[in-house]
Amino acid sequence: SETVGPGDAYDKMVDYSMRLTWSGMYAHAAPWNARYFGNANRSSGCLGMSDADASALYGQVRVGDPFEMTGADAKGTVAEGNGYGAWNVSWADWQAKSALK
């Protein structure tokens, strides 16, 4: 990865960091990777943005807001429990787990 130098790949301070999953996916500013935005996936699993885009998104979202990534490289819905909310569970599955049956 070109996102960090040698050593611990996650030992880097980034601006406008928003945690998306418990397993470590974040959306954040990644100006060092700007030449790849929209062309290649060159991150270590995060969604990197310009400082301006990350600042704008950071100013609009709140904890619990749904976040959906689309495109050819999208890998689908994260596993249940790997995030801050339960919007990735279908309504039928949600009802099936209810104590109110």
N, C-alpha and C. Protein backbone atom coordinates (compact mmCIF):
# COMPACT_ATOMS: atom_id res chain seq x y z
N SER A 1 0.83 -1.19 0.00
CA SER A 1 0.00 0.00 0.00
C SER A 1 0.87 1.25 0.00
N GLU A 2 0.49 2.23 -0.75
CA GLU A 2 1.21 3.49 -0.76
C GLU A 2 0.63 4.48 0.23
N THR A 3 -0.32 4.03 1.04
CA THR A 3 -1.00 4.94 1.95
C THR A 3 -0.17 5.28 3.18
N VAL A 4 0.80 4.43 3.50
CA VAL A 4 1.60 4.67 4.70
C VAL A 4 3.04 4.26 4.44
N GLY A 5 3.91 4.67 5.32
CA GLY A 5 5.31 4.28 5.22
C GLY A 5 5.54 2.94 5.87
N PRO A 6 6.81 2.54 6.01
CA PRO A 6 7.12 1.27 6.65
C PRO A 6 6.65 1.26 8.10
N GLY A 7 6.52 0.06 8.64
CA GLY A 7 6.07 -0.07 10.02
C GLY A 7 4.60 -0.42 10.07
N ASP A 8 3.95 -0.05 11.13
CA ASP A 8 2.54 -0.36 11.32
C ASP A 8 1.69 0.40 10.31
N ALA A 9 0.99 -0.34 9.46
CA ALA A 9 0.19 0.27 8.39
C ALA A 9 -0.93 1.16 8.91
N TYR A 10 -1.31 0.99 10.16
CA TYR A 10 -2.42 1.79 10.70
C TYR A 10 -1.94 2.86 11.67
N ASP A 11 -0.66 3.10 11.73
CA ASP A 11 -0.10 4.11 12.62
C ASP A 11 0.04 5.43 11.86
N LYS A 12 -1.11 6.03 11.53
CA LYS A 12 -1.12 7.27 10.75
C LYS A 12 -2.28 8.12 11.23
N MET A 13 -2.02 9.38 11.47
CA MET A 13 -3.08 10.31 11.83
C MET A 13 -3.76 10.78 10.55
N VAL A 14 -5.08 10.70 10.52
CA VAL A 14 -5.84 11.16 9.35
C VAL A 14 -6.91 12.14 9.80
N ASP A 15 -7.29 13.03 8.92
CA ASP A 15 -8.33 14.01 9.23
C ASP A 15 -9.70 13.48 8.83
N TYR A 16 -10.72 13.95 9.54
CA TYR A 16 -12.13 13.67 9.23
C TYR A 16 -12.42 12.17 9.20
N SER A 17 -11.93 11.45 10.17
CA SER A 17 -12.09 10.01 10.22
C SER A 17 -13.47 9.63 10.75
N MET A 18 -14.15 8.76 10.01
CA MET A 18 -15.48 8.27 10.39
C MET A 18 -15.46 6.75 10.35
N ARG A 19 -15.63 6.12 11.50
CA ARG A 19 -15.60 4.65 11.57
C ARG A 19 -16.89 4.09 10.98
N LEU A 20 -16.75 3.12 10.08
CA LEU A 20 -17.91 2.52 9.43
C LEU A 20 -18.19 1.11 9.94
N THR A 21 -17.16 0.37 10.32
CA THR A 21 -17.34 -0.99 10.81
C THR A 21 -16.45 -1.23 12.02
N TRP A 22 -16.82 -2.22 12.82
CA TRP A 22 -15.99 -2.59 13.97
C TRP A 22 -14.70 -3.24 13.52
N SER A 23 -14.69 -3.83 12.31
CA SER A 23 -13.50 -4.52 11.84
C SER A 23 -12.44 -3.57 11.29
N GLY A 24 -12.73 -2.27 11.24
CA GLY A 24 -11.70 -1.31 10.90
C GLY A 24 -11.85 -0.53 9.62
N MET A 25 -13.02 -0.54 9.01
CA MET A 25 -13.22 0.27 7.80
C MET A 25 -13.62 1.68 8.21
N TYR A 26 -12.93 2.66 7.64
CA TYR A 26 -13.19 4.07 7.91
C TYR A 26 -13.37 4.82 6.60
N ALA A 27 -14.04 5.95 6.66
CA ALA A 27 -14.04 6.95 5.59
C ALA A 27 -13.24 8.11 6.15
N HIS A 28 -12.27 8.61 5.40
CA HIS A 28 -11.41 9.68 5.92
C HIS A 28 -10.68 10.40 4.80
N ALA A 29 -10.09 11.53 5.14
CA ALA A 29 -9.26 12.25 4.18
C ALA A 29 -7.99 11.43 3.92
N ALA A 30 -7.62 11.34 2.66
CA ALA A 30 -6.40 10.61 2.27
C ALA A 30 -5.75 11.34 1.09
N PRO A 31 -5.33 12.58 1.32
CA PRO A 31 -4.79 13.38 0.21
C PRO A 31 -3.55 12.78 -0.44
N TRP A 32 -2.80 11.94 0.28
CA TRP A 32 -1.62 11.29 -0.28
C TRP A 32 -1.97 10.31 -1.39
N ASN A 33 -3.24 9.92 -1.49
CA ASN A 33 -3.70 8.94 -2.47
C ASN A 33 -4.53 9.59 -3.58
N ALA A 34 -4.54 10.90 -3.67
CA ALA A 34 -5.44 11.62 -4.58
C ALA A 34 -5.32 11.18 -6.03
N ARG A 35 -4.15 10.82 -6.48
CA ARG A 35 -4.01 10.46 -7.89
C ARG A 35 -4.77 9.18 -8.25
N TYR A 36 -5.20 8.41 -7.25
CA TYR A 36 -5.93 7.18 -7.51
C TYR A 36 -7.45 7.32 -7.36
N PHE A 37 -7.93 8.43 -6.80
CA PHE A 37 -9.37 8.58 -6.56
C PHE A 37 -10.13 8.37 -7.87
N GLY A 38 -11.11 7.48 -7.84
CA GLY A 38 -11.93 7.22 -9.01
C GLY A 38 -11.29 6.34 -10.06
N ASN A 39 -10.06 5.91 -9.83
CA ASN A 39 -9.36 5.11 -10.83
C ASN A 39 -8.89 3.75 -10.33
N ALA A 40 -8.46 3.68 -9.08
CA ALA A 40 -7.93 2.43 -8.55
C ALA A 40 -8.12 2.39 -7.04
N ASN A 41 -8.32 1.19 -6.53
CA ASN A 41 -8.45 0.99 -5.09
C ASN A 41 -7.05 0.80 -4.52
N ARG A 42 -6.51 1.85 -3.93
CA ARG A 42 -5.15 1.81 -3.40
C ARG A 42 -5.13 2.06 -1.90
N SER A 43 -6.18 1.67 -1.21
CA SER A 43 -6.20 1.87 0.24
C SER A 43 -5.98 0.54 0.95
N SER A 44 -5.94 0.58 2.24
CA SER A 44 -5.83 -0.63 3.05
C SER A 44 -7.20 -1.07 3.54
N GLY A 45 -8.25 -0.69 2.81
CA GLY A 45 -9.60 -1.09 3.17
C GLY A 45 -10.51 0.06 3.55
N CYS A 46 -10.01 1.27 3.50
CA CYS A 46 -10.82 2.43 3.85
C CYS A 46 -11.29 3.16 2.60
N LEU A 47 -12.21 4.08 2.80
CA LEU A 47 -12.66 4.95 1.73
C LEU A 47 -11.93 6.27 1.89
N GLY A 48 -10.96 6.53 1.04
CA GLY A 48 -10.17 7.75 1.11
C GLY A 48 -10.76 8.84 0.24
N MET A 49 -10.69 10.07 0.71
CA MET A 49 -11.23 11.22 -0.01
C MET A 49 -10.27 12.39 0.08
N SER A 50 -10.53 13.40 -0.75
CA SER A 50 -9.77 14.64 -0.64
C SER A 50 -10.11 15.30 0.69
N ASP A 51 -9.28 16.22 1.13
CA ASP A 51 -9.58 16.96 2.36
C ASP A 51 -10.92 17.67 2.26
N ALA A 52 -11.20 18.30 1.11
CA ALA A 52 -12.45 19.05 0.93
C ALA A 52 -13.66 18.13 0.99
N ASP A 53 -13.61 16.98 0.29
CA ASP A 53 -14.74 16.05 0.30
C ASP A 53 -14.94 15.42 1.67
N ALA A 54 -13.85 15.04 2.32
CA ALA A 54 -13.96 14.44 3.65
C ALA A 54 -14.52 15.44 4.66
N SER A 55 -14.10 16.69 4.56
CA SER A 55 -14.62 17.74 5.45
C SER A 55 -16.11 17.94 5.24
N ALA A 56 -16.54 17.98 3.98
CA ALA A 56 -17.96 18.18 3.67
C ALA A 56 -18.80 17.02 4.20
N LEU A 57 -18.36 15.78 3.97
CA LEU A 57 -19.09 14.62 4.45
C LEU A 57 -19.12 14.59 5.97
N TYR A 58 -17.99 14.84 6.60
CA TYR A 58 -17.87 14.83 8.06
C TYR A 58 -18.84 15.83 8.70
N GLY A 59 -19.04 16.95 8.03
CA GLY A 59 -19.94 17.98 8.55
C GLY A 59 -21.41 17.66 8.40
N GLN A 60 -21.74 16.65 7.60
CA GLN A 60 -23.14 16.32 7.33
C GLN A 60 -23.63 15.06 8.02
N VAL A 61 -22.76 14.09 8.24
CA VAL A 61 -23.22 12.80 8.76
C VAL A 61 -23.22 12.78 10.29
N ARG A 62 -24.01 11.88 10.83
CA ARG A 62 -24.09 11.67 12.28
C ARG A 62 -23.93 10.19 12.57
N VAL A 63 -23.55 9.85 13.77
CA VAL A 63 -23.43 8.45 14.17
C VAL A 63 -24.76 7.75 13.91
N GLY A 64 -24.70 6.61 13.25
CA GLY A 64 -25.90 5.84 12.94
C GLY A 64 -26.44 6.06 11.54
N ASP A 65 -25.95 7.08 10.83
CA ASP A 65 -26.40 7.28 9.45
C ASP A 65 -25.98 6.09 8.60
N PRO A 66 -26.88 5.57 7.76
CA PRO A 66 -26.51 4.48 6.86
C PRO A 66 -25.43 4.94 5.87
N PHE A 67 -24.57 4.04 5.50
CA PHE A 67 -23.48 4.35 4.57
C PHE A 67 -23.44 3.23 3.55
N GLU A 68 -23.60 3.57 2.28
CA GLU A 68 -23.61 2.55 1.23
C GLU A 68 -22.54 2.87 0.19
N MET A 69 -21.72 1.89 -0.09
CA MET A 69 -20.72 2.02 -1.15
C MET A 69 -21.18 1.19 -2.33
N THR A 70 -21.10 1.76 -3.52
CA THR A 70 -21.51 1.04 -4.72
C THR A 70 -20.37 1.06 -5.72
N GLY A 71 -20.50 0.25 -6.74
CA GLY A 71 -19.49 0.20 -7.79
C GLY A 71 -19.01 -1.21 -8.03
N ALA A 72 -18.16 -1.35 -9.02
CA ALA A 72 -17.68 -2.67 -9.44
C ALA A 72 -16.94 -3.41 -8.33
N ASP A 73 -16.26 -2.70 -7.46
CA ASP A 73 -15.47 -3.34 -6.41
C ASP A 73 -16.20 -3.47 -5.08
N ALA A 74 -17.47 -3.05 -5.02
CA ALA A 74 -18.23 -3.16 -3.78
C ALA A 74 -18.38 -4.63 -3.41
N LYS A 75 -18.22 -4.94 -2.15
CA LYS A 75 -18.22 -6.33 -1.70
C LYS A 75 -19.51 -6.75 -1.00
N GLY A 76 -20.54 -5.94 -1.04
CA GLY A 76 -21.81 -6.31 -0.43
C GLY A 76 -21.97 -5.76 0.97
N THR A 77 -22.95 -6.26 1.66
CA THR A 77 -23.30 -5.80 3.00
C THR A 77 -22.35 -6.39 4.04
N VAL A 78 -21.96 -5.59 5.00
CA VAL A 78 -21.10 -6.11 6.07
C VAL A 78 -21.89 -7.07 6.94
N ALA A 79 -21.19 -7.94 7.61
CA ALA A 79 -21.83 -8.92 8.48
C ALA A 79 -22.59 -8.23 9.61
N GLU A 80 -23.70 -8.82 9.99
CA GLU A 80 -24.49 -8.29 11.10
C GLU A 80 -23.60 -8.18 12.34
N GLY A 81 -23.66 -7.05 13.02
CA GLY A 81 -22.85 -6.83 14.20
C GLY A 81 -21.52 -6.15 13.91
N ASN A 82 -21.19 -5.96 12.64
CA ASN A 82 -19.92 -5.33 12.27
C ASN A 82 -20.16 -3.87 11.90
N GLY A 83 -20.76 -3.13 12.81
CA GLY A 83 -21.04 -1.73 12.55
C GLY A 83 -21.81 -1.12 13.70
N TYR A 84 -22.26 0.09 13.50
CA TYR A 84 -22.95 0.83 14.56
C TYR A 84 -24.46 0.68 14.52
N GLY A 85 -25.01 0.07 13.51
CA GLY A 85 -26.45 0.00 13.40
C GLY A 85 -26.90 -1.34 12.87
N ALA A 86 -28.18 -1.52 12.77
CA ALA A 86 -28.73 -2.78 12.31
C ALA A 86 -29.47 -2.62 10.99
N TRP A 87 -29.18 -1.56 10.24
CA TRP A 87 -29.87 -1.34 8.97
C TRP A 87 -29.48 -2.37 7.92
N ASN A 88 -28.44 -3.15 8.16
CA ASN A 88 -28.04 -4.16 7.20
C ASN A 88 -28.76 -5.49 7.43
N VAL A 89 -29.75 -5.50 8.32
CA VAL A 89 -30.58 -6.67 8.56
C VAL A 89 -31.94 -6.42 7.92
N SER A 90 -32.41 -7.40 7.15
CA SER A 90 -33.72 -7.22 6.50
C SER A 90 -34.81 -7.11 7.56
N TRP A 91 -35.92 -6.49 7.18
CA TRP A 91 -37.04 -6.33 8.11
C TRP A 91 -37.56 -7.69 8.57
N ALA A 92 -37.62 -8.66 7.66
CA ALA A 92 -38.09 -10.00 8.02
C ALA A 92 -37.16 -10.64 9.06
N ASP A 93 -35.84 -10.50 8.87
CA ASP A 93 -34.89 -11.05 9.85
C ASP A 93 -35.00 -10.32 11.18
N TRP A 94 -35.18 -9.00 11.13
CA TRP A 94 -35.33 -8.20 12.35
C TRP A 94 -36.54 -8.68 13.14
N GLN A 95 -37.67 -8.87 12.46
CA GLN A 95 -38.89 -9.33 13.14
C GLN A 95 -38.72 -10.74 13.70
N ALA A 96 -38.02 -11.60 12.97
CA ALA A 96 -37.83 -12.98 13.42
C ALA A 96 -37.03 -13.04 14.72
N LYS A 97 -36.19 -12.06 14.97
CA LYS A 97 -35.37 -12.05 16.19
C LYS A 97 -36.04 -11.33 17.35
N SER A 98 -37.21 -10.80 17.11
CA SER A 98 -37.91 -10.03 18.14
C SER A 98 -38.43 -10.93 19.26
N ALA A 99 -38.40 -10.41 20.46
CA ALA A 99 -38.98 -11.11 21.60
C ALA A 99 -40.50 -10.97 21.60
N LEU A 100 -41.02 -10.05 20.79
CA LEU A 100 -42.46 -9.80 20.71
C LEU A 100 -43.06 -10.60 19.57
N LYS A 101 -43.29 -11.86 19.78
CA LYS A 101 -43.84 -12.73 18.73
C LYS A 101 -45.26 -13.08 19.01
